C-alpha atoms as a PDB file:
ATOM      1  CA  MET A   1     -13.296  21.456 -35.519  1.00  0.00           C
ATOM      2  CA  THR A   2      -9.680  21.614 -36.448  1.00  0.00           C
ATOM      3  CA  THR A   3      -8.164  20.089 -39.624  1.00  0.00           C
ATOM      4  CA  ASP A   4      -6.536  17.336 -37.668  1.00  0.00           C
ATOM      5  CA  ALA A   5      -9.902  16.541 -35.953  1.00  0.00           C
ATOM      6  CA  LYS A   6     -11.639  16.403 -39.336  1.00  0.00           C
ATOM      7  CA  ILE A   7      -8.988  14.012 -40.731  1.00  0.00           C
ATOM      8  CA  LEU A   8      -9.324  11.747 -37.694  1.00  0.00           C
ATOM      9  CA  SER A   9     -13.063  11.808 -37.866  1.00  0.00           C
ATOM     10  CA  ALA A  10     -12.928  10.818 -41.534  1.00  0.00           C
ATOM     11  CA  LEU A  11     -10.506   8.044 -40.907  1.00  0.00           C
ATOM     12  CA  ARG A  12     -12.624   6.664 -38.095  1.00  0.00           C
ATOM     13  CA  ALA A  13     -15.767   6.876 -40.307  1.00  0.00           C
ATOM     14  CA  SER A  14     -13.932   4.894 -43.034  1.00  0.00           C
ATOM     15  CA  PRO A  15     -12.031   2.057 -41.307  1.00  0.00           C
ATOM     16  CA  ASP A  16     -11.160   0.439 -44.663  1.00  0.00           C
ATOM     17  CA  GLY A  17      -9.475   3.679 -45.829  1.00  0.00           C
ATOM     18  CA  VAL A  18     -10.168   6.947 -47.519  1.00  0.00           C
ATOM     19  CA  SER A  19      -8.148   8.515 -50.318  1.00  0.00           C
ATOM     20  CA  GLY A  20      -6.178  11.703 -50.150  1.00  0.00           C
ATOM     21  CA  ALA A  21      -8.301  13.091 -52.934  1.00  0.00           C
ATOM     22  CA  GLN A  22     -11.490  12.419 -50.887  1.00  0.00           C
ATOM     23  CA  LEU A  23      -9.946  14.020 -47.796  1.00  0.00           C
ATOM     24  CA  ALA A  24      -8.794  17.050 -49.809  1.00  0.00           C
ATOM     25  CA  GLU A  25     -12.217  17.526 -51.326  1.00  0.00           C
ATOM     26  CA  GLN A  26     -14.009  17.083 -47.894  1.00  0.00           C
ATOM     27  CA  LEU A  27     -11.696  19.570 -46.116  1.00  0.00           C
ATOM     28  CA  ALA A  28     -11.229  21.938 -49.067  1.00  0.00           C
ATOM     29  CA  ILE A  29      -7.431  21.887 -48.859  1.00  0.00           C
ATOM     30  CA  SER A  30      -4.758  20.404 -51.071  1.00  0.00           C
ATOM     31  CA  ARG A  31      -3.551  16.755 -51.035  1.00  0.00           C
ATOM     32  CA  THR A  32      -0.155  18.046 -50.041  1.00  0.00           C
ATOM     33  CA  ALA A  33      -1.707  19.691 -47.008  1.00  0.00           C
ATOM     34  CA  ILE A  34      -3.471  16.422 -46.129  1.00  0.00           C
ATOM     35  CA  TRP A  35      -0.172  14.560 -46.384  1.00  0.00           C
ATOM     36  CA  ALA A  36       1.480  17.062 -44.127  1.00  0.00           C
ATOM     37  CA  ARG A  37      -1.154  16.793 -41.418  1.00  0.00           C
ATOM     38  CA  ILE A  38      -0.946  12.974 -41.676  1.00  0.00           C
ATOM     39  CA  GLU A  39       2.794  13.265 -40.953  1.00  0.00           C
ATOM     40  CA  GLU A  40       2.174  15.339 -37.971  1.00  0.00           C
ATOM     41  CA  LEU A  41      -0.409  12.898 -36.581  1.00  0.00           C
ATOM     42  CA  ARG A  42       2.132  10.109 -37.120  1.00  0.00           C
ATOM     43  CA  LYS A  43       4.656  12.006 -35.060  1.00  0.00           C
ATOM     44  CA  VAL A  44       2.369  12.084 -32.048  1.00  0.00           C
ATOM     45  CA  GLY A  45       1.713   8.344 -32.207  1.00  0.00           C
ATOM     46  CA  TYR A  46      -1.090   7.740 -34.599  1.00  0.00           C
ATOM     47  CA  ASP A  47      -0.387   4.646 -36.782  1.00  0.00           C
ATOM     48  CA  ILE A  48      -1.843   5.623 -40.167  1.00  0.00           C
ATOM     49  CA  GLU A  49      -1.152   3.343 -43.150  1.00  0.00           C
ATOM     50  CA  ALA A  50      -1.005   4.661 -46.728  1.00  0.00           C
ATOM     51  CA  GLY A  51      -1.488   2.618 -49.860  1.00  0.00           C
ATOM     52  CA  PRO A  52      -2.451   3.069 -53.548  1.00  0.00           C
ATOM     53  CA  HIS A  53      -5.559   0.941 -53.207  1.00  0.00           C
ATOM     54  CA  PHE A  54      -7.089   2.219 -49.979  1.00  0.00           C
ATOM     55  CA  GLY A  55      -5.510   5.732 -49.440  1.00  0.00           C
ATOM     56  CA  TYR A  56      -5.088   6.366 -45.753  1.00  0.00           C
ATOM     57  CA  ARG A  57      -6.168   4.016 -43.050  1.00  0.00           C
ATOM     58  CA  LEU A  58      -6.096   4.442 -39.180  1.00  0.00           C
ATOM     59  CA  VAL A  59      -4.558   1.311 -37.615  1.00  0.00           C
ATOM     60  CA  SER A  60      -4.197   2.496 -34.026  1.00  0.00           C
ATOM     61  CA  SER A  61      -4.094   5.484 -31.780  1.00  0.00           C
ATOM     62  CA  PRO A  62      -1.597   6.311 -29.055  1.00  0.00           C
ATOM     63  CA  ASP A  63      -2.398   5.918 -25.269  1.00  0.00           C
ATOM     64  CA  ALA A  64      -2.661   9.669 -24.864  1.00  0.00           C
ATOM     65  CA  LEU A  65      -5.349  12.269 -24.797  1.00  0.00           C
ATOM     66  CA  HIS A  66      -5.297  14.723 -27.820  1.00  0.00           C
ATOM     67  CA  ALA A  67      -7.910  17.351 -28.109  1.00  0.00           C
ATOM     68  CA  ASP A  68      -8.321  16.825 -31.865  1.00  0.00           C
ATOM     69  CA  ASP A  69      -8.840  13.133 -31.340  1.00  0.00           C
ATOM     70  CA  LEU A  70     -11.460  13.615 -28.595  1.00  0.00           C
ATOM     71  CA  LEU A  71     -13.276  16.175 -30.686  1.00  0.00           C
ATOM     72  CA  ALA A  72     -13.224  13.686 -33.682  1.00  0.00           C
ATOM     73  CA  ARG A  73     -14.473  10.843 -31.536  1.00  0.00           C
ATOM     74  CA  LEU A  74     -17.129  12.954 -29.884  1.00  0.00           C
ATOM     75  CA  GLY A  75     -18.771  14.489 -32.945  1.00  0.00           C
ATOM     76  CA  PRO A  76     -21.574  17.076 -32.709  1.00  0.00           C
ATOM     77  CA  VAL A  77     -22.667  18.058 -29.197  1.00  0.00           C
ATOM     78  CA  LYS A  78     -25.322  20.368 -27.710  1.00  0.00           C
ATOM     79  CA  VAL A  79     -23.074  21.990 -25.066  1.00  0.00           C
ATOM     80  CA  ILE A  80     -20.522  19.867 -23.369  1.00  0.00           C
ATOM     81  CA  GLY A  81     -17.395  19.210 -25.406  1.00  0.00           C
ATOM     82  CA  ARG A  82     -17.831  22.049 -27.916  1.00  0.00           C
ATOM     83  CA  ASP A  83     -14.295  23.059 -27.017  1.00  0.00           C
ATOM     84  CA  ILE A  84     -11.583  20.689 -25.528  1.00  0.00           C
ATOM     85  CA  GLN A  85      -8.103  21.485 -24.229  1.00  0.00           C
ATOM     86  CA  VAL A  86      -5.524  18.922 -23.031  1.00  0.00           C
ATOM     87  CA  PHE A  87      -2.625  19.879 -20.818  1.00  0.00           C
ATOM     88  CA  GLN A  88       0.230  17.529 -20.169  1.00  0.00           C
ATOM     89  CA  GLU A  89       0.410  18.838 -16.569  1.00  0.00           C
ATOM     90  CA  THR A  90      -1.357  21.463 -14.572  1.00  0.00           C
ATOM     91  CA  THR A  91      -2.009  22.195 -10.907  1.00  0.00           C
ATOM     92  CA  SER A  92      -5.791  21.345 -11.174  1.00  0.00           C
ATOM     93  CA  THR A  93      -8.138  21.410 -14.187  1.00  0.00           C
ATOM     94  CA  ASN A  94     -10.612  23.131 -11.976  1.00  0.00           C
ATOM     95  CA  ASP A  95      -8.143  26.019 -11.610  1.00  0.00           C
ATOM     96  CA  VAL A  96      -7.765  26.279 -15.437  1.00  0.00           C
ATOM     97  CA  ILE A  97     -11.595  26.233 -15.897  1.00  0.00           C
ATOM     98  CA  GLU A  98     -11.958  28.954 -13.207  1.00  0.00           C
ATOM     99  CA  LYS A  99      -9.703  31.318 -15.244  1.00  0.00           C
ATOM    100  CA  LEU A 100     -11.624  30.540 -18.375  1.00  0.00           C
ATOM    101  CA  ALA A 101     -14.903  31.338 -16.533  1.00  0.00           C
ATOM    102  CA  ARG A 102     -13.582  34.698 -15.395  1.00  0.00           C
ATOM    103  CA  ASP A 103     -12.517  35.387 -18.995  1.00  0.00           C
ATOM    104  CA  GLY A 104     -16.121  34.983 -20.192  1.00  0.00           C
ATOM    105  CA  VAL A 105     -15.628  31.752 -22.060  1.00  0.00           C
ATOM    106  CA  ARG A 106     -18.941  30.135 -23.038  1.00  0.00           C
ATOM    107  CA  GLU A 107     -20.175  27.009 -21.268  1.00  0.00           C
ATOM    108  CA  GLY A 108     -19.304  23.572 -22.495  1.00  0.00           C
ATOM    109  CA  ALA A 109     -15.467  24.042 -22.506  1.00  0.00           C
ATOM    110  CA  VAL A 110     -13.564  21.017 -21.161  1.00  0.00           C
ATOM    111  CA  VAL A 111     -10.056  20.895 -19.850  1.00  0.00           C
ATOM    112  CA  PHE A 112      -8.153  17.492 -19.452  1.00  0.00           C
ATOM    113  CA  ALA A 113      -4.816  17.084 -17.822  1.00  0.00           C
ATOM    114  CA  GLU A 114      -2.544  14.046 -18.305  1.00  0.00           C
ATOM    115  CA  SER A 115      -1.389  14.737 -14.709  1.00  0.00           C
ATOM    116  CA  GLN A 116      -2.198  17.224 -11.949  1.00  0.00           C
ATOM    117  CA  THR A 117       0.246  18.399  -9.290  1.00  0.00           C
ATOM    118  CA  LYS A 118      -2.492  19.717  -7.011  1.00  0.00           C
ATOM    119  CA  GLY A 119      -5.589  17.669  -7.821  1.00  0.00           C
ATOM    120  CA  ARG A 120      -8.285  18.021  -5.242  1.00  0.00           C
ATOM    121  CA  GLY A 121     -11.458  16.352  -4.168  1.00  0.00           C
ATOM    122  CA  ARG A 122     -14.226  17.398  -1.813  1.00  0.00           C
ATOM    123  CA  LEU A 123     -13.581  18.935   1.577  1.00  0.00           C
ATOM    124  CA  GLY A 124     -10.076  19.946   0.516  1.00  0.00           C
ATOM    125  CA  ARG A 125      -8.782  16.452   0.142  1.00  0.00           C
ATOM    126  CA  VAL A 126      -5.900  15.580  -2.241  1.00  0.00           C
ATOM    127  CA  TRP A 127      -6.736  13.673  -5.442  1.00  0.00           C
ATOM    128  CA  MET A 128      -3.826  11.550  -6.677  1.00  0.00           C
ATOM    129  CA  SER A 129      -3.545  12.163 -10.455  1.00  0.00           C
ATOM    130  CA  PRO A 130      -0.615  10.092 -11.935  1.00  0.00           C
ATOM    131  CA  ALA A 131       0.314  10.740 -15.598  1.00  0.00           C
ATOM    132  CA  ARG A 132      -1.679   8.821 -18.254  1.00  0.00           C
ATOM    133  CA  LYS A 133      -3.252   6.516 -15.699  1.00  0.00           C
ATOM    134  CA  GLY A 134      -6.709   8.175 -15.339  1.00  0.00           C
ATOM    135  CA  LEU A 135      -9.058  10.840 -16.507  1.00  0.00           C
ATOM    136  CA  TRP A 136      -8.682  14.163 -14.792  1.00  0.00           C
ATOM    137  CA  PHE A 137     -10.816  16.905 -16.310  1.00  0.00           C
ATOM    138  CA  SER A 138     -13.147  19.805 -15.599  1.00  0.00           C
ATOM    139  CA  ILE A 139     -16.150  21.389 -17.446  1.00  0.00           C
ATOM    140  CA  LEU A 140     -17.442  24.927 -17.502  1.00  0.00           C
ATOM    141  CA  LEU A 141     -21.203  25.282 -17.138  1.00  0.00           C
ATOM    142  CA  ARG A 142     -23.458  28.300 -17.015  1.00  0.00           C
ATOM    143  CA  PRO A 143     -26.850  26.802 -16.124  1.00  0.00           C
ATOM    144  CA  GLU A 144     -29.962  28.967 -15.736  1.00  0.00           C
ATOM    145  CA  MET A 145     -30.943  27.712 -12.294  1.00  0.00           C
ATOM    146  CA  ARG A 146     -31.175  28.623  -8.619  1.00  0.00           C
ATOM    147  CA  PRO A 147     -27.961  28.080  -6.595  1.00  0.00           C
ATOM    148  CA  GLN A 148     -30.030  25.782  -4.351  1.00  0.00           C
ATOM    149  CA  ALA A 149     -30.609  23.415  -7.372  1.00  0.00           C
ATOM    150  CA  ALA A 150     -26.984  22.984  -8.256  1.00  0.00           C
ATOM    151  CA  THR A 151     -26.836  19.620  -6.561  1.00  0.00           C
ATOM    152  CA  GLN A 152     -28.850  18.451  -9.654  1.00  0.00           C
ATOM    153  CA  LEU A 153     -25.691  18.738 -11.662  1.00  0.00           C
ATOM    154  CA  THR A 154     -23.762  16.435  -9.271  1.00  0.00           C
ATOM    155  CA  ILE A 155     -26.566  13.832  -9.512  1.00  0.00           C
ATOM    156  CA  ALA A 156     -26.679  14.190 -13.288  1.00  0.00           C
ATOM    157  CA  SER A 157     -22.895  13.776 -13.505  1.00  0.00           C
ATOM    158  CA  ALA A 158     -22.952  10.632 -11.410  1.00  0.00           C
ATOM    159  CA  THR A 159     -25.659   8.964 -13.607  1.00  0.00           C
ATOM    160  CA  ALA A 160     -23.763   9.990 -16.839  1.00  0.00           C
ATOM    161  CA  LEU A 161     -20.493   8.660 -15.476  1.00  0.00           C
ATOM    162  CA  ARG A 162     -21.941   5.410 -14.383  1.00  0.00           C
ATOM    163  CA  ARG A 163     -23.581   4.787 -17.808  1.00  0.00           C
ATOM    164  CA  ALA A 164     -20.352   5.619 -19.597  1.00  0.00           C
ATOM    165  CA  ILE A 165     -18.263   3.226 -17.443  1.00  0.00           C
ATOM    166  CA  ILE A 166     -20.827   0.449 -17.984  1.00  0.00           C
ATOM    167  CA  SER A 167     -20.892   0.975 -21.760  1.00  0.00           C
ATOM    168  CA  VAL A 168     -17.112   1.042 -22.233  1.00  0.00           C
ATOM    169  CA  THR A 169     -15.959  -1.542 -19.571  1.00  0.00           C
ATOM    170  CA  GLY A 170     -18.912  -3.668 -18.705  1.00  0.00           C
ATOM    171  CA  VAL A 171     -18.141  -2.969 -15.033  1.00  0.00           C
ATOM    172  CA  VAL A 172     -21.158  -1.765 -12.981  1.00  0.00           C
ATOM    173  CA  PRO A 173     -20.305   0.793 -10.361  1.00  0.00           C
ATOM    174  CA  GLU A 174     -22.590   2.065  -7.535  1.00  0.00           C
ATOM    175  CA  ILE A 175     -23.258   5.598  -6.652  1.00  0.00           C
ATOM    176  CA  LYS A 176     -22.569   6.972  -3.231  1.00  0.00           C
ATOM    177  CA  TRP A 177     -24.239  10.205  -2.450  1.00  0.00           C
ATOM    178  CA  PRO A 178     -23.265  12.914  -3.388  1.00  0.00           C
ATOM    179  CA  ASN A 179     -20.234  12.501  -5.540  1.00  0.00           C
ATOM    180  CA  ASP A 180     -18.485   9.083  -5.500  1.00  0.00           C
ATOM    181  CA  LEU A 181     -18.686   5.953  -7.685  1.00  0.00           C
ATOM    182  CA  LEU A 182     -17.751   2.707  -5.996  1.00  0.00           C
ATOM    183  CA  ILE A 183     -17.001  -0.742  -7.159  1.00  0.00           C
ATOM    184  CA  GLY A 184     -17.126  -3.486  -4.487  1.00  0.00           C
ATOM    185  CA  GLY A 185     -17.185  -0.745  -1.887  1.00  0.00           C
ATOM    186  CA  LYS A 186     -14.050   0.955  -3.230  1.00  0.00           C
ATOM    187  CA  LYS A 187     -13.821   4.283  -4.868  1.00  0.00           C
ATOM    188  CA  VAL A 188     -13.177   4.413  -8.608  1.00  0.00           C
ATOM    189  CA  ALA A 189     -14.331   7.911  -9.431  1.00  0.00           C
ATOM    190  CA  GLY A 190     -15.297  11.268  -7.817  1.00  0.00           C
ATOM    191  CA  ILE A 191     -16.993  14.481  -8.742  1.00  0.00           C
ATOM    192  CA  LEU A 192     -16.213  17.915  -7.376  1.00  0.00           C
ATOM    193  CA  THR A 193     -18.653  20.729  -8.082  1.00  0.00           C
ATOM    194  CA  GLU A 194     -17.569  24.334  -7.461  1.00  0.00           C
ATOM    195  CA  MET A 195     -20.004  27.252  -7.865  1.00  0.00           C
ATOM    196  CA  SER A 196     -19.876  30.941  -8.293  1.00  0.00           C
ATOM    197  CA  ALA A 197     -23.293  32.364  -7.596  1.00  0.00           C
ATOM    198  CA  GLU A 198     -25.393  35.324  -6.439  1.00  0.00           C
ATOM    199  CA  VAL A 199     -28.335  34.989  -4.152  1.00  0.00           C
ATOM    200  CA  ASP A 200     -30.815  34.156  -6.930  1.00  0.00           C
ATOM    201  CA  ARG A 201     -28.677  32.988  -9.841  1.00  0.00           C
ATOM    202  CA  VAL A 202     -25.748  30.892 -10.751  1.00  0.00           C
ATOM    203  CA  ARG A 203     -22.839  32.664 -12.505  1.00  0.00           C
ATOM    204  CA  HIS A 204     -20.962  29.527 -13.392  1.00  0.00           C
ATOM    205  CA  ILE A 205     -20.342  26.032 -12.185  1.00  0.00           C
ATOM    206  CA  ILE A 206     -17.131  24.029 -12.524  1.00  0.00           C
ATOM    207  CA  LEU A 207     -17.669  20.310 -12.733  1.00  0.00           C
ATOM    208  CA  GLY A 208     -14.443  18.409 -11.896  1.00  0.00           C
ATOM    209  CA  ILE A 209     -14.281  14.693 -12.491  1.00  0.00           C
ATOM    210  CA  GLY A 210     -11.487  12.202 -11.656  1.00  0.00           C
ATOM    211  CA  VAL A 211     -11.587   8.557 -12.773  1.00  0.00           C
ATOM    212  CA  ASP A 212      -8.952   5.933 -11.822  1.00  0.00           C
ATOM    213  CA  VAL A 213      -8.681   4.159 -15.167  1.00  0.00           C
ATOM    214  CA  ASN A 214      -5.457   2.143 -15.667  1.00  0.00           C
ATOM    215  CA  LEU A 215      -3.733   2.163 -12.275  1.00  0.00           C
ATOM    216  CA  ALA A 216      -2.424  -1.182 -11.050  1.00  0.00           C
ATOM    217  CA  ALA A 217      -3.050  -2.173  -7.480  1.00  0.00           C
ATOM    218  CA  ALA A 218       0.661  -1.518  -6.570  1.00  0.00           C
ATOM    219  CA  GLU A 219       0.470   2.005  -7.979  1.00  0.00           C
ATOM    220  CA  PHE A 220      -1.952   3.104  -5.233  1.00  0.00           C
ATOM    221  CA  PRO A 221      -0.390   4.366  -2.026  1.00  0.00           C
ATOM    222  CA  VAL A 222      -0.595   1.690   0.710  1.00  0.00           C
ATOM    223  CA  GLU A 223      -3.121   3.724   2.639  1.00  0.00           C
ATOM    224  CA  LEU A 224      -5.550   3.822  -0.322  1.00  0.00           C
ATOM    225  CA  ARG A 225      -5.395   0.193  -1.427  1.00  0.00           C
ATOM    226  CA  LYS A 226      -8.324  -0.905   0.807  1.00  0.00           C
ATOM    227  CA  ILE A 227     -10.584   2.012  -0.188  1.00  0.00           C
ATOM    228  CA  ALA A 228      -9.687   2.731  -3.865  1.00  0.00           C
ATOM    229  CA  THR A 229      -9.627   0.755  -7.121  1.00  0.00           C
ATOM    230  CA  SER A 230      -9.369   1.274 -10.896  1.00  0.00           C
ATOM    231  CA  LEU A 231     -11.348   0.206 -13.892  1.00  0.00           C
ATOM    232  CA  ARG A 232      -8.303  -1.761 -15.128  1.00  0.00           C
ATOM    233  CA  ILE A 233      -8.267  -3.769 -11.816  1.00  0.00           C
ATOM    234  CA  GLU A 234     -12.036  -4.491 -11.894  1.00  0.00           C
ATOM    235  CA  ALA A 235     -12.304  -5.186 -15.626  1.00  0.00           C
ATOM    236  CA  GLY A 236      -9.042  -7.155 -15.809  1.00  0.00           C
ATOM    237  CA  GLU A 237      -7.732  -5.252 -18.816  1.00  0.00           C
ATOM    238  CA  GLU A 238      -6.397  -1.936 -20.006  1.00  0.00           C
ATOM    239  CA  ILE A 239      -9.110   0.519 -20.809  1.00  0.00           C
ATOM    240  CA  SER A 240      -8.968   3.080 -23.690  1.00  0.00           C
ATOM    241  CA  ARG A 241      -8.920   6.418 -21.923  1.00  0.00           C
ATOM    242  CA  ALA A 242      -9.846   8.336 -25.078  1.00  0.00           C
ATOM    243  CA  GLU A 243     -12.865   5.999 -25.614  1.00  0.00           C
ATOM    244  CA  LEU A 244     -14.002   6.398 -22.075  1.00  0.00           C
ATOM    245  CA  ALA A 245     -13.521  10.162 -22.106  1.00  0.00           C
ATOM    246  CA  THR A 246     -15.705  10.637 -25.093  1.00  0.00           C
ATOM    247  CA  ALA A 247     -18.355   8.304 -23.791  1.00  0.00           C
ATOM    248  CA  ILE A 248     -18.460  10.313 -20.489  1.00  0.00           C
ATOM    249  CA  LEU A 249     -18.645  13.737 -22.366  1.00  0.00           C
ATOM    250  CA  HIS A 250     -21.545  12.400 -24.483  1.00  0.00           C
ATOM    251  CA  GLU A 251     -23.507  11.110 -21.639  1.00  0.00           C
ATOM    252  CA  LEU A 252     -22.906  14.349 -19.645  1.00  0.00           C
ATOM    253  CA  ASP A 253     -24.090  16.364 -22.680  1.00  0.00           C
ATOM    254  CA  VAL A 254     -27.254  14.222 -22.769  1.00  0.00           C
ATOM    255  CA  ASP A 255     -28.015  14.628 -19.000  1.00  0.00           C
ATOM    256  CA  TYR A 256     -27.216  18.336 -19.031  1.00  0.00           C
ATOM    257  CA  ALA A 257     -29.828  18.820 -21.754  1.00  0.00           C
ATOM    258  CA  ARG A 258     -32.302  16.737 -19.619  1.00  0.00           C
ATOM    259  CA  ILE A 259     -31.845  19.059 -16.728  1.00  0.00           C
ATOM    260  CA  GLY A 260     -32.252  22.067 -19.011  1.00  0.00           C
ATOM    261  CA  GLY A 261     -35.442  20.535 -20.252  1.00  0.00           C
ATOM    262  CA  GLY A 262     -36.961  20.138 -16.812  1.00  0.00           C
ATOM    263  CA  LYS A 263     -36.491  16.274 -16.727  1.00  0.00           C
ATOM    264  CA  PHE A 264     -34.502  16.038 -13.455  1.00  0.00           C
ATOM    265  CA  SER A 265     -37.071  13.580 -12.041  1.00  0.00           C
ATOM    266  CA  GLN A 266     -35.951  11.063 -14.746  1.00  0.00           C
ATOM    267  CA  LEU A 267     -32.347  11.405 -13.668  1.00  0.00           C
ATOM    268  CA  ALA A 268     -33.327  11.178  -9.983  1.00  0.00           C
ATOM    269  CA  ASP A 269     -35.069   7.798 -10.694  1.00  0.00           C
ATOM    270  CA  GLU A 270     -31.958   6.511 -12.560  1.00  0.00           C
ATOM    271  CA  TRP A 271     -29.706   7.754  -9.831  1.00  0.00           C
ATOM    272  CA  GLU A 272     -31.673   6.024  -7.069  1.00  0.00           C
ATOM    273  CA  ALA A 273     -31.670   2.796  -9.091  1.00  0.00           C
ATOM    274  CA  GLY A 274     -27.871   2.766  -9.153  1.00  0.00           C
ATOM    275  CA  CYS A 275     -27.262   4.274  -5.731  1.00  0.00           C
ATOM    276  CA  ALA A 276     -25.774   2.432  -2.791  1.00  0.00           C
ATOM    277  CA  THR A 277     -26.916   5.089  -0.333  1.00  0.00           C
ATOM    278  CA  ILE A 278     -30.696   5.050  -0.607  1.00  0.00           C
ATOM    279  CA  GLY A 279     -32.290   2.694   1.826  1.00  0.00           C
ATOM    280  CA  GLN A 280     -29.162   2.534   3.980  1.00  0.00           C
ATOM    281  CA  ASN A 281     -28.405   3.865   7.479  1.00  0.00           C
ATOM    282  CA  VAL A 282     -26.001   6.699   7.056  1.00  0.00           C
ATOM    283  CA  SER A 283     -24.004   9.134   9.078  1.00  0.00           C
ATOM    284  CA  VAL A 284     -23.590  12.575   7.467  1.00  0.00           C
ATOM    285  CA  GLN A 285     -20.982  14.948   8.820  1.00  0.00           C
ATOM    286  CA  SER A 286     -21.654  18.500   7.583  1.00  0.00           C
ATOM    287  CA  GLY A 287     -19.353  21.029   9.272  1.00  0.00           C
ATOM    288  CA  VAL A 288     -19.821  20.600  12.971  1.00  0.00           C
ATOM    289  CA  GLN A 289     -23.201  18.879  12.525  1.00  0.00           C
ATOM    290  CA  ARG A 290     -23.649  15.107  12.379  1.00  0.00           C
ATOM    291  CA  ILE A 291     -26.981  13.598  11.115  1.00  0.00           C
ATOM    292  CA  ARG A 292     -27.670   9.906  11.508  1.00  0.00           C
ATOM    293  CA  GLY A 293     -30.650   8.135   9.988  1.00  0.00           C
ATOM    294  CA  ARG A 294     -31.952   6.263   7.013  1.00  0.00           C
ATOM    295  CA  ALA A 295     -31.391   7.766   3.522  1.00  0.00           C
ATOM    296  CA  GLU A 296     -34.861   7.738   1.958  1.00  0.00           C
ATOM    297  CA  ALA A 297     -34.758   9.623  -1.323  1.00  0.00           C
ATOM    298  CA  LEU A 298     -33.713  12.747  -3.272  1.00  0.00           C
ATOM    299  CA  ASP A 299     -35.776  15.896  -3.239  1.00  0.00           C
ATOM    300  CA  ASP A 300     -36.549  17.943  -6.329  1.00  0.00           C
ATOM    301  CA  ASP A 301     -33.168  19.844  -6.086  1.00  0.00           C
ATOM    302  CA  GLY A 302     -31.089  16.682  -5.606  1.00  0.00           C
ATOM    303  CA  ALA A 303     -30.628  17.037  -1.830  1.00  0.00           C
ATOM    304  CA  LEU A 304     -30.557  13.792   0.275  1.00  0.00           C
ATOM    305  CA  LEU A 305     -33.587  13.228   2.538  1.00  0.00           C
ATOM    306  CA  VAL A 306     -32.593  11.434   5.712  1.00  0.00           C
ATOM    307  CA  ARG A 307     -35.141  10.079   8.248  1.00  0.00           C
ATOM    308  CA  THR A 308     -33.510  10.442  11.654  1.00  0.00           C
ATOM    309  CA  GLU A 309     -34.037   8.092  14.658  1.00  0.00           C
ATOM    310  CA  HIS A 310     -36.515  10.616  16.066  1.00  0.00           C
ATOM    311  CA  GLY A 311     -38.621  10.392  12.830  1.00  0.00           C
ATOM    312  CA  HIS A 312     -37.694  13.814  11.482  1.00  0.00           C
ATOM    313  CA  LEU A 313     -36.986  14.104   7.750  1.00  0.00           C
ATOM    314  CA  GLU A 314     -33.708  16.147   7.304  1.00  0.00           C
ATOM    315  CA  ARG A 315     -32.735  17.757   4.044  1.00  0.00           C
ATOM    316  CA  VAL A 316     -28.907  17.318   3.404  1.00  0.00           C
ATOM    317  CA  ILE A 317     -27.285  19.277   0.662  1.00  0.00           C
ATOM    318  CA  GLY A 318     -23.708  18.371   1.336  1.00  0.00           C
ATOM    319  CA  GLY A 319     -21.348  16.621   3.706  1.00  0.00           C
ATOM    320  CA  ASP A 320     -19.253  13.508   4.218  1.00  0.00           C
ATOM    321  CA  VAL A 321     -21.461  10.432   4.115  1.00  0.00           C
ATOM    322  CA  THR A 322     -20.598   7.173   5.776  1.00  0.00           C
ATOM    323  CA  LEU A 323     -22.708   4.042   5.284  1.00  0.00           C
ATOM    324  CA  GLU A 324     -23.432   2.346   8.620  1.00  0.00           C
ATOM    325  CA  LYS A 325     -24.529  -1.250   9.349  1.00  0.00           C
ATOM    326  CA  ASN A 326     -28.248  -1.696   9.180  1.00  0.00           C
END
């Protein structure tokens, strides 16, 4: 953790204030160095009061994502969030993580972008990523699992994302298999999983997540207004993106550990409880093949089991799902 992250962590832990002498002792640097770092934090938007009776006190944080602040908010982690980078703009955070993966960076690295010029969703679709209006980020994972089981990570991501949104906003989204979160039938978040693998092992997985956080209705393109929404629209108020980001990373870290510990069945149960797909008649377009039937459950690898009109149970590992009228 950087010096700035340690200072912010200490300030958040002591809302009534902490003295420069205490900070200097905790961080093993001089009080002058503490003052210099406080000044730099003020320059990027942190409102930090100073007084003889309380020392330094954090009053407010800017509406911006800063790696040091996210690390300070997140605290100790098992894997996800051990390293965080924030770009003001990039093509796609998945592209950045792909380069880190090729360079041998260890798993758990997270890259956020305040905006993306070429954000993408599943099936090559464009993901709109306006500056400072959402959370656009990717995570590098190197799980010890068969490639066939990689769908488990998409399932785990959906459950973690749903829990974080509920805890921070009070809004309760539904999960649409395999990678969307919906509120009132409108998409609010999506997950894109990209994998590099051999026949019997995963080299790395890039988990890309996009959440529409503080967009107003008028900020969506006209063609998206009937199918997309934001947490601000649904909650009726602005949402702290930094608070939501750290809540998501925390929940993802928890669920990744559950998968590593062989507890995917617990995640599957939670996923089904929050899923709008299970029990519904669906149409799944996978390449040139279309499968119609009733979505019944997940299998042990996270694939969707669909009972067709002919009574066959089809295992679906990917595709574009449309809910049909029962």
